[in-house]
Amino acid sequence: MTDGPDLHKSTFRAVCVPGIQVLLYNHRHFELYILTAMSTIAPKQLVQLLRSQVIPWVSPDSQNGIFVAREDLCSLDVPDDITISRRKRKGKRVAIKKPRWHDMRFFAAVWPDDNLQEITVPKLVCIVSGVADYLIGDYCAHCGSGTFMLIPPLVPHQQFAPNLRGERLKNGSCVLLHAVGFKHGVQFWYSRSINERHINDYTDNYLISSTSAAQMLNLLVEESAEEKPHFKSIATGLIAAFFALIAREIEANNYIHPGPMENVPVQDRDTATFPEQVKEYVETHCHKRLRLEDVAVHMYMSRSQFTRRMRQEVGVTFVELLTRVRIEQACKMLRETKFSNIVLADCLGFQSSTYFQSLFRSRMGCTPTEYRRQHTP
């Protein structure tokens, strides 16, 4: 770069995680981001990160920061190395009655004006690098690396990134690991915030079929809710076991990668055709109870406009496209995983395992079990 401003060592901030290196340079209105060619962490590197950095943070001798998010959070509820600042909510709570995720109601409510959400399942967040500013109810928790936040169901917490506020929006960065538990396993992903930019790639998340991992998250919530004696020592052991289990399952290839993700952008509307946009959106969200109206709204069209363009440009109805995509994904998962039909049906948004098996047989001419047997070496 020959015409740019002089670069001095003091103008850089670096975040280093296995597989990620981010260099930031700020000069007036100019921002330079240098990312390594590999912007995502491969499974082996993720296992290395968990075992070499995250799990040691919750060893018995470590001075880790574990705190439970509560709507009425106060300074007494957080470790000494975490600070909180008060913020007043501007808007009202909006209940969500229809959206479902993995065959369960996932979102309970949102505060559109305050960037908050309530979910119906437990969530665990680990600050891997940098300092994160995380919204919880009427507060913002400022957490450094090595912090673990347990967010029980229905506690209002941050919905959209970046996880930075104030001056850190101009010259800050953080890397976070997230995990949410559902009926048959855990959704596990990581994200990066660099100034005002947030990176939350579709390829950065894993769907791990492990009822044990899900039970550990639920047990953490139960322990925290009842405020039982020795909670911190018990929570430390459970969190260490949780991440050790996640690492073991990834090593054993017992996961779907990339797993389903809630907020994945479709292709650039200026370059992608209507059929490409629709198919990518359906592939990304096929695990949900998708309705034609939802996709039409996403495409900024009325129901009639969307239906007409589906017929003219895609050549099939929306329901047919959704069914094809789900069957394609089911075939892929049958070939690449050992997940049961119950888990597959749950992951792909089918009404039930029975319906999934019946539909699969009518489309593929064989049962899911027979298909797996025929296509597994």
Protein backbone atom coordinates (compact mmCIF):
# COMPACT_ATOMS: atom_id res chain seq x y z
CA MET A 1 0.00 0.00 0.00
CA THR A 2 1.97 3.00 -1.25
CA ASP A 3 -0.44 5.92 -1.05
CA GLY A 4 -1.90 5.23 2.38
CA PRO A 5 -0.95 6.83 5.68
CA ASP A 6 2.13 5.73 7.62
CA LEU A 7 1.54 2.72 9.83
CA HIS A 8 3.02 2.64 13.32
CA LYS A 9 3.10 -0.31 15.66
CA SER A 10 1.07 1.54 18.26
CA THR A 11 -1.85 1.92 15.89
CA PHE A 12 -2.52 -1.82 15.76
CA ARG A 13 -4.55 -4.08 18.00
CA ALA A 14 -4.38 -7.83 17.49
CA VAL A 15 -6.64 -10.71 18.42
CA CYS A 16 -5.02 -14.13 18.11
CA VAL A 17 -6.98 -17.37 18.35
CA PRO A 18 -6.01 -20.66 16.67
CA GLY A 19 -7.01 -20.14 13.04
CA ILE A 20 -7.84 -16.44 13.45
CA GLN A 21 -5.65 -13.38 13.46
CA VAL A 22 -7.18 -9.96 13.12
CA LEU A 23 -5.15 -6.77 12.82
CA LEU A 24 -6.97 -3.48 13.20
CA TYR A 25 -5.75 -0.09 12.02
CA ASN A 26 -7.68 3.12 12.57
CA HIS A 27 -6.66 6.51 11.16
CA ARG A 28 -9.37 9.19 11.16
CA HIS A 29 -12.08 7.76 8.90
CA PHE A 30 -9.88 5.02 7.45
CA GLU A 31 -10.13 1.46 8.75
CA LEU A 32 -7.99 -1.44 7.59
CA TYR A 33 -8.89 -5.00 8.46
CA ILE A 34 -6.34 -7.72 7.74
CA LEU A 35 -7.71 -11.21 8.23
CA THR A 36 -5.89 -14.44 7.56
CA ALA A 37 -7.05 -16.42 4.56
CA MET A 38 -8.76 -18.83 6.93
CA SER A 39 -11.48 -16.76 8.56
CA THR A 40 -13.15 -19.79 10.15
CA ILE A 41 -11.81 -22.34 12.65
CA ALA A 42 -11.53 -25.90 11.38
CA PRO A 43 -12.86 -28.65 13.70
CA LYS A 44 -9.35 -29.73 14.81
CA GLN A 45 -8.44 -26.15 15.67
CA LEU A 46 -11.68 -25.69 17.58
CA VAL A 47 -10.91 -28.79 19.65
CA GLN A 48 -7.41 -27.39 20.28
CA LEU A 49 -8.91 -24.07 21.40
CA LEU A 50 -11.30 -25.80 23.80
CA ARG A 51 -8.63 -28.04 25.34
CA SER A 52 -5.73 -25.61 25.50
CA GLN A 53 -7.57 -22.45 26.50
CA VAL A 54 -11.25 -22.74 27.42
CA ILE A 55 -11.22 -25.87 29.62
CA PRO A 56 -8.13 -24.75 31.64
CA TRP A 57 -10.04 -21.55 32.47
CA VAL A 58 -12.45 -23.67 34.51
CA SER A 59 -9.89 -25.85 36.25
CA PRO A 60 -10.14 -25.96 40.09
CA ASP A 61 -7.06 -23.75 40.53
CA SER A 62 -8.00 -21.10 37.97
CA GLN A 63 -9.28 -17.64 38.83
CA ASN A 64 -12.09 -17.77 36.30
CA GLY A 65 -15.11 -15.53 36.09
CA ILE A 66 -18.45 -17.38 36.16
CA PHE A 67 -21.64 -15.46 36.65
CA VAL A 68 -25.32 -16.03 36.14
CA ALA A 69 -27.21 -13.43 34.13
CA ARG A 70 -30.27 -12.10 35.89
CA GLU A 71 -32.74 -9.40 34.88
CA ASP A 72 -32.08 -7.56 38.15
CA LEU A 73 -28.31 -7.89 37.92
CA CYS A 74 -26.24 -5.99 40.49
CA SER A 75 -22.56 -5.70 41.32
CA LEU A 76 -22.87 -8.35 44.03
CA ASP A 77 -23.84 -10.95 41.41
CA VAL A 78 -20.65 -10.69 39.31
CA PRO A 79 -16.98 -11.57 39.89
CA ASP A 80 -14.56 -8.81 40.85
CA ASP A 81 -12.98 -8.60 37.39
CA ILE A 82 -16.33 -7.93 35.67
CA THR A 83 -17.98 -4.52 35.73
CA ILE A 84 -21.57 -3.59 34.98
CA SER A 85 -23.17 -0.33 33.89
CA ARG A 86 -26.81 0.60 34.05
CA ARG A 87 -28.87 1.35 30.93
CA LYS A 88 -32.53 2.25 30.74
CA ARG A 89 -34.76 0.33 28.38
CA LYS A 90 -36.45 2.50 25.76
CA GLY A 91 -39.16 0.27 24.37
CA LYS A 92 -41.65 -2.43 25.31
CA ARG A 93 -41.52 -6.19 25.43
CA VAL A 94 -43.07 -7.85 22.38
CA ALA A 95 -44.18 -11.45 22.93
CA ILE A 96 -43.50 -13.91 20.11
CA LYS A 97 -46.03 -16.68 19.82
CA LYS A 98 -45.33 -18.41 16.51
CA PRO A 99 -41.60 -18.82 15.77
CA ARG A 100 -40.31 -22.29 16.64
CA TRP A 101 -36.87 -23.86 16.43
CA HIS A 102 -35.95 -27.55 16.47
CA ASP A 103 -39.59 -28.48 17.10
CA MET A 104 -39.85 -26.27 20.18
CA ARG A 105 -40.78 -22.70 20.87
CA PHE A 106 -37.42 -20.93 20.95
CA PHE A 107 -37.99 -17.16 21.05
CA ALA A 108 -40.34 -15.98 23.80
CA ALA A 109 -40.05 -12.20 23.35
CA VAL A 110 -37.95 -9.34 22.01
CA TRP A 111 -37.37 -5.68 22.83
CA PRO A 112 -36.93 -4.22 19.31
CA ASP A 113 -35.82 -0.82 20.63
CA ASP A 114 -33.36 -2.24 23.15
CA ASN A 115 -31.63 -5.08 21.26
CA LEU A 116 -32.83 -7.67 23.77
CA GLN A 117 -34.39 -11.11 23.42
CA GLU A 118 -35.83 -13.84 25.62
CA ILE A 119 -35.31 -17.47 24.64
CA THR A 120 -36.84 -20.55 26.22
CA VAL A 121 -33.63 -22.60 26.52
CA PRO A 122 -30.40 -22.15 28.53
CA LYS A 123 -27.45 -20.39 26.94
CA LEU A 124 -23.75 -20.39 27.84
CA VAL A 125 -21.35 -17.73 26.53
CA CYS A 126 -17.56 -17.73 26.89
CA ILE A 127 -15.39 -14.69 26.15
CA VAL A 128 -12.40 -16.21 24.35
CA SER A 129 -10.51 -13.02 23.48
CA GLY A 130 -10.74 -9.28 24.03
CA VAL A 131 -13.33 -7.45 26.11
CA ALA A 132 -17.04 -7.91 25.36
CA ASP A 133 -19.90 -5.57 26.27
CA TYR A 134 -22.95 -7.81 26.70
CA LEU A 135 -26.46 -6.51 27.29
CA ILE A 136 -28.49 -8.16 30.08
CA GLY A 137 -31.82 -6.63 31.06
CA ASP A 138 -31.27 -3.06 32.24
CA TYR A 139 -27.50 -3.53 32.43
CA CYS A 140 -24.42 -4.02 30.28
CA ALA A 141 -21.78 -6.46 31.55
CA HIS A 142 -18.20 -5.65 30.55
CA CYS A 143 -16.33 -8.97 30.50
CA GLY A 144 -12.74 -9.89 29.69
CA SER A 145 -11.37 -13.14 28.28
CA GLY A 146 -11.97 -16.18 30.46
CA THR A 147 -15.45 -15.05 31.50
CA PHE A 148 -18.34 -17.54 31.38
CA MET A 149 -21.92 -16.23 31.36
CA LEU A 150 -24.79 -18.58 32.09
CA ILE A 151 -28.06 -17.16 30.74
CA PRO A 152 -31.12 -19.00 32.10
CA PRO A 153 -34.28 -19.23 29.99
CA LEU A 154 -36.40 -16.07 29.73
CA VAL A 155 -33.67 -13.72 30.96
CA PRO A 156 -33.54 -10.72 28.55
CA HIS A 157 -30.11 -10.59 26.89
CA GLN A 158 -28.42 -9.20 23.81
CA GLN A 159 -29.95 -10.17 20.48
CA PHE A 160 -27.74 -8.61 17.81
CA ALA A 161 -24.01 -7.96 17.67
CA PRO A 162 -21.45 -6.43 17.70
CA ASN A 163 -20.72 -7.20 21.33
CA LEU A 164 -18.92 -3.88 21.78
CA ARG A 165 -20.04 -0.50 23.08
CA GLY A 166 -18.66 3.00 23.62
CA GLU A 167 -15.02 3.51 22.66
CA ARG A 168 -14.61 -0.19 21.86
CA LEU A 169 -16.85 0.32 18.82
CA LYS A 170 -14.00 2.42 17.41
CA ASN A 171 -11.01 0.42 18.59
CA GLY A 172 -12.05 -2.90 20.09
CA SER A 173 -12.51 -6.57 19.34
CA CYS A 174 -13.70 -9.78 20.95
CA VAL A 175 -14.24 -13.45 20.15
CA LEU A 176 -17.13 -15.32 21.79
CA LEU A 177 -18.21 -18.95 22.02
CA HIS A 178 -21.96 -19.56 22.35
CA ALA A 179 -23.93 -22.70 23.21
CA VAL A 180 -27.66 -23.26 23.53
CA GLY A 181 -29.30 -26.49 24.59
CA PHE A 182 -32.35 -28.02 22.98
CA LYS A 183 -34.19 -31.31 23.21
CA HIS A 184 -31.66 -33.65 21.60
CA GLY A 185 -28.39 -31.77 21.79
CA VAL A 186 -26.53 -28.48 21.61
CA GLN A 187 -26.08 -25.72 19.03
CA PHE A 188 -22.50 -24.49 19.38
CA TRP A 189 -20.93 -21.56 17.51
CA TYR A 190 -18.44 -18.74 17.77
CA SER A 191 -18.50 -15.14 16.58
CA ARG A 192 -16.12 -12.20 16.26
CA SER A 193 -16.75 -8.49 16.73
CA ILE A 194 -14.22 -6.02 15.32
CA ASN A 195 -15.17 -2.41 15.97
CA GLU A 196 -18.66 -2.05 14.44
CA ARG A 197 -18.18 -5.09 12.25
CA HIS A 198 -19.53 -8.48 13.33
CA ILE A 199 -18.51 -11.81 11.79
CA ASN A 200 -20.91 -14.66 12.43
CA ASP A 201 -20.41 -17.02 9.50
CA TYR A 202 -22.74 -19.90 8.63
CA THR A 203 -19.69 -22.21 8.64
CA ASP A 204 -18.76 -21.26 12.21
CA ASN A 205 -21.42 -23.33 13.99
CA TYR A 206 -21.94 -26.94 14.96
CA LEU A 207 -25.03 -28.97 15.78
CA ILE A 208 -24.01 -31.68 18.24
CA SER A 209 -26.39 -34.52 19.03
CA SER A 210 -25.71 -35.09 22.73
CA THR A 211 -28.45 -35.29 25.31
CA SER A 212 -25.72 -35.35 27.99
CA ALA A 213 -24.44 -31.90 26.92
CA ALA A 214 -27.99 -30.52 26.92
CA GLN A 215 -28.61 -32.00 30.38
CA MET A 216 -25.44 -30.34 31.71
CA LEU A 217 -26.71 -26.92 30.63
CA ASN A 218 -30.07 -27.59 32.25
CA LEU A 219 -28.36 -28.77 35.44
CA LEU A 220 -26.32 -25.55 35.52
CA VAL A 221 -29.53 -23.55 35.32
CA GLU A 222 -31.15 -25.58 38.10
CA GLU A 223 -28.14 -25.10 40.38
CA SER A 224 -28.04 -21.35 39.72
CA ALA A 225 -31.79 -20.82 40.16
CA GLU A 226 -31.89 -22.45 43.58
CA GLU A 227 -28.67 -20.72 44.72
CA LYS A 228 -27.43 -23.91 46.35
CA PRO A 229 -24.27 -23.94 48.47
CA HIS A 230 -20.93 -24.36 46.65
CA PHE A 231 -22.50 -23.34 43.36
CA LYS A 232 -19.27 -21.95 41.91
CA SER A 233 -17.26 -25.12 42.44
CA ILE A 234 -20.07 -27.24 41.01
CA ALA A 235 -20.56 -24.87 38.07
CA THR A 236 -16.81 -24.95 37.36
CA GLY A 237 -16.87 -28.74 37.13
CA LEU A 238 -19.99 -28.82 34.98
CA ILE A 239 -18.68 -26.21 32.53
CA ALA A 240 -15.34 -28.03 32.22
CA ALA A 241 -17.17 -31.31 31.61
CA PHE A 242 -19.50 -29.62 29.12
CA PHE A 243 -16.67 -28.28 26.94
CA ALA A 244 -14.71 -31.52 27.27
CA LEU A 245 -17.77 -33.38 26.00
CA ILE A 246 -18.17 -30.92 23.11
CA ALA A 247 -14.50 -31.40 22.16
CA ARG A 248 -14.86 -35.19 22.30
CA GLU A 249 -17.97 -35.19 20.12
CA ILE A 250 -16.30 -32.95 17.52
CA GLU A 251 -13.21 -35.19 17.50
CA ALA A 252 -15.46 -38.22 16.96
CA ASN A 253 -17.26 -36.44 14.07
CA ASN A 254 -20.59 -36.62 15.92
CA TYR A 255 -21.84 -33.30 14.65
CA ILE A 256 -23.39 -31.47 11.72
CA HIS A 257 -21.16 -28.73 10.36
CA PRO A 258 -22.30 -26.22 9.43
CA GLY A 259 -25.36 -26.54 11.58
CA PRO A 260 -28.53 -24.47 11.18
CA MET A 261 -28.11 -20.81 12.05
CA GLU A 262 -30.74 -18.21 12.81
CA ASN A 263 -29.29 -15.03 11.33
CA VAL A 264 -27.45 -15.95 8.12
CA PRO A 265 -27.66 -13.39 5.32
CA VAL A 266 -28.67 -14.45 1.85
CA GLN A 267 -26.50 -13.63 -1.14
CA ASP A 268 -26.12 -10.06 -2.27
CA ARG A 269 -29.42 -9.11 -3.88
CA ASP A 270 -27.56 -7.26 -6.61
CA THR A 271 -25.82 -10.43 -7.82
CA ALA A 272 -28.06 -13.36 -6.85
CA THR A 273 -31.10 -14.29 -8.91
CA PHE A 274 -34.52 -14.77 -7.34
CA PRO A 275 -34.29 -18.60 -7.47
CA GLU A 276 -30.81 -18.44 -5.87
CA GLN A 277 -32.00 -16.14 -3.10
CA VAL A 278 -35.02 -18.29 -2.32
CA LYS A 279 -33.11 -21.57 -2.33
CA GLU A 280 -30.31 -20.21 -0.14
CA TYR A 281 -32.80 -18.83 2.37
CA VAL A 282 -34.71 -22.14 2.48
CA GLU A 283 -31.48 -24.15 2.84
CA THR A 284 -30.37 -21.92 5.71
CA HIS A 285 -33.71 -22.00 7.55
CA CYS A 286 -35.10 -25.44 6.61
CA HIS A 287 -34.79 -26.55 10.25
CA LYS A 288 -37.53 -24.07 11.23
CA ARG A 289 -41.28 -24.17 10.71
CA LEU A 290 -41.00 -22.07 7.58
CA ARG A 291 -44.11 -20.45 6.14
CA LEU A 292 -44.53 -18.92 2.71
CA GLU A 293 -45.40 -15.60 4.36
CA ASP A 294 -42.09 -15.56 6.26
CA VAL A 295 -40.01 -15.95 3.12
CA ALA A 296 -42.13 -13.43 1.21
CA VAL A 297 -41.52 -10.84 3.94
CA HIS A 298 -37.79 -11.61 3.85
CA MET A 299 -37.80 -11.03 0.08
CA TYR A 300 -39.78 -7.77 0.51
CA MET A 301 -42.74 -9.11 -1.49
CA SER A 302 -46.41 -9.66 -0.93
CA ARG A 303 -47.70 -13.21 -0.72
CA SER A 304 -49.20 -13.03 -4.22
CA GLN A 305 -46.01 -11.54 -5.75
CA PHE A 306 -43.86 -14.23 -4.16
CA THR A 307 -46.21 -17.05 -5.22
CA ARG A 308 -46.28 -15.77 -8.81
CA ARG A 309 -42.48 -15.48 -9.05
CA MET A 310 -42.04 -18.94 -7.53
CA ARG A 311 -44.26 -20.36 -10.23
CA GLN A 312 -42.66 -18.38 -13.07
CA GLU A 313 -38.98 -18.43 -12.11
CA VAL A 314 -38.48 -21.45 -9.88
CA GLY A 315 -41.05 -23.71 -11.49
CA VAL A 316 -42.33 -25.29 -8.26
CA THR A 317 -44.39 -24.19 -5.28
CA PHE A 318 -42.75 -23.01 -2.09
CA VAL A 319 -43.89 -26.13 -0.22
CA GLU A 320 -42.38 -28.36 -2.89
CA LEU A 321 -39.05 -26.50 -2.79
CA LEU A 322 -38.95 -26.72 1.02
CA THR A 323 -39.69 -30.45 0.87
CA ARG A 324 -36.95 -31.07 -1.70
CA VAL A 325 -34.39 -29.15 0.31
CA ARG A 326 -35.27 -31.01 3.50
CA ILE A 327 -35.04 -34.39 1.78
CA GLU A 328 -31.66 -33.41 0.27
CA GLN A 329 -30.40 -32.41 3.70
CA ALA A 330 -31.77 -35.62 5.22
CA CYS A 331 -29.88 -37.69 2.62
CA LYS A 332 -26.67 -35.81 3.40
CA MET A 333 -27.09 -36.31 7.14
CA LEU A 334 -27.92 -40.01 6.71
CA ARG A 335 -24.68 -40.47 4.76
CA GLU A 336 -22.47 -38.40 7.05
CA THR A 337 -23.84 -38.91 10.59
CA LYS A 338 -25.24 -41.62 12.81
CA PHE A 339 -28.15 -39.52 14.02
CA SER A 340 -31.42 -41.34 14.63
CA ASN A 341 -34.58 -40.64 12.64
CA ILE A 342 -35.99 -38.75 15.64
CA VAL A 343 -33.01 -36.40 15.72
CA LEU A 344 -33.03 -35.93 11.93
CA ALA A 345 -36.72 -35.07 11.92
CA ASP A 346 -36.17 -32.62 14.78
CA CYS A 347 -33.17 -30.96 13.11
CA LEU A 348 -34.90 -30.52 9.76
CA GLY A 349 -38.21 -29.12 10.96
CA PHE A 350 -40.46 -32.11 10.22
CA GLN A 351 -43.65 -32.41 12.26
CA SER A 352 -42.67 -35.81 13.64
CA SER A 353 -40.34 -38.73 13.06
CA THR A 354 -43.23 -40.76 11.64
CA TYR A 355 -44.07 -38.07 9.08
CA PHE A 356 -40.39 -37.72 8.13
CA GLN A 357 -40.01 -41.45 7.52
CA SER A 358 -43.22 -41.63 5.51
CA LEU A 359 -42.31 -38.64 3.34
CA PHE A 360 -38.75 -39.89 2.83
CA ARG A 361 -39.98 -43.27 1.65
CA SER A 362 -42.47 -41.73 -0.78
CA ARG A 363 -39.73 -39.50 -2.28
CA MET A 364 -36.72 -41.83 -2.23
CA GLY A 365 -38.36 -45.23 -2.62
CA CYS A 366 -36.81 -46.58 0.59
CA THR A 367 -36.79 -45.88 4.31
CA PRO A 368 -34.13 -43.65 5.89
CA THR A 369 -32.56 -46.73 7.49
CA GLU A 370 -32.37 -48.52 4.14
CA TYR A 371 -30.91 -45.41 2.49
CA ARG A 372 -28.17 -45.14 5.14
CA ARG A 373 -27.33 -48.84 4.75
CA GLN A 374 -27.07 -48.49 0.96
CA HIS A 375 -24.87 -45.37 1.06
CA THR A 376 -22.58 -46.08 4.02
CA PRO A 377 -19.30 -47.88 3.20
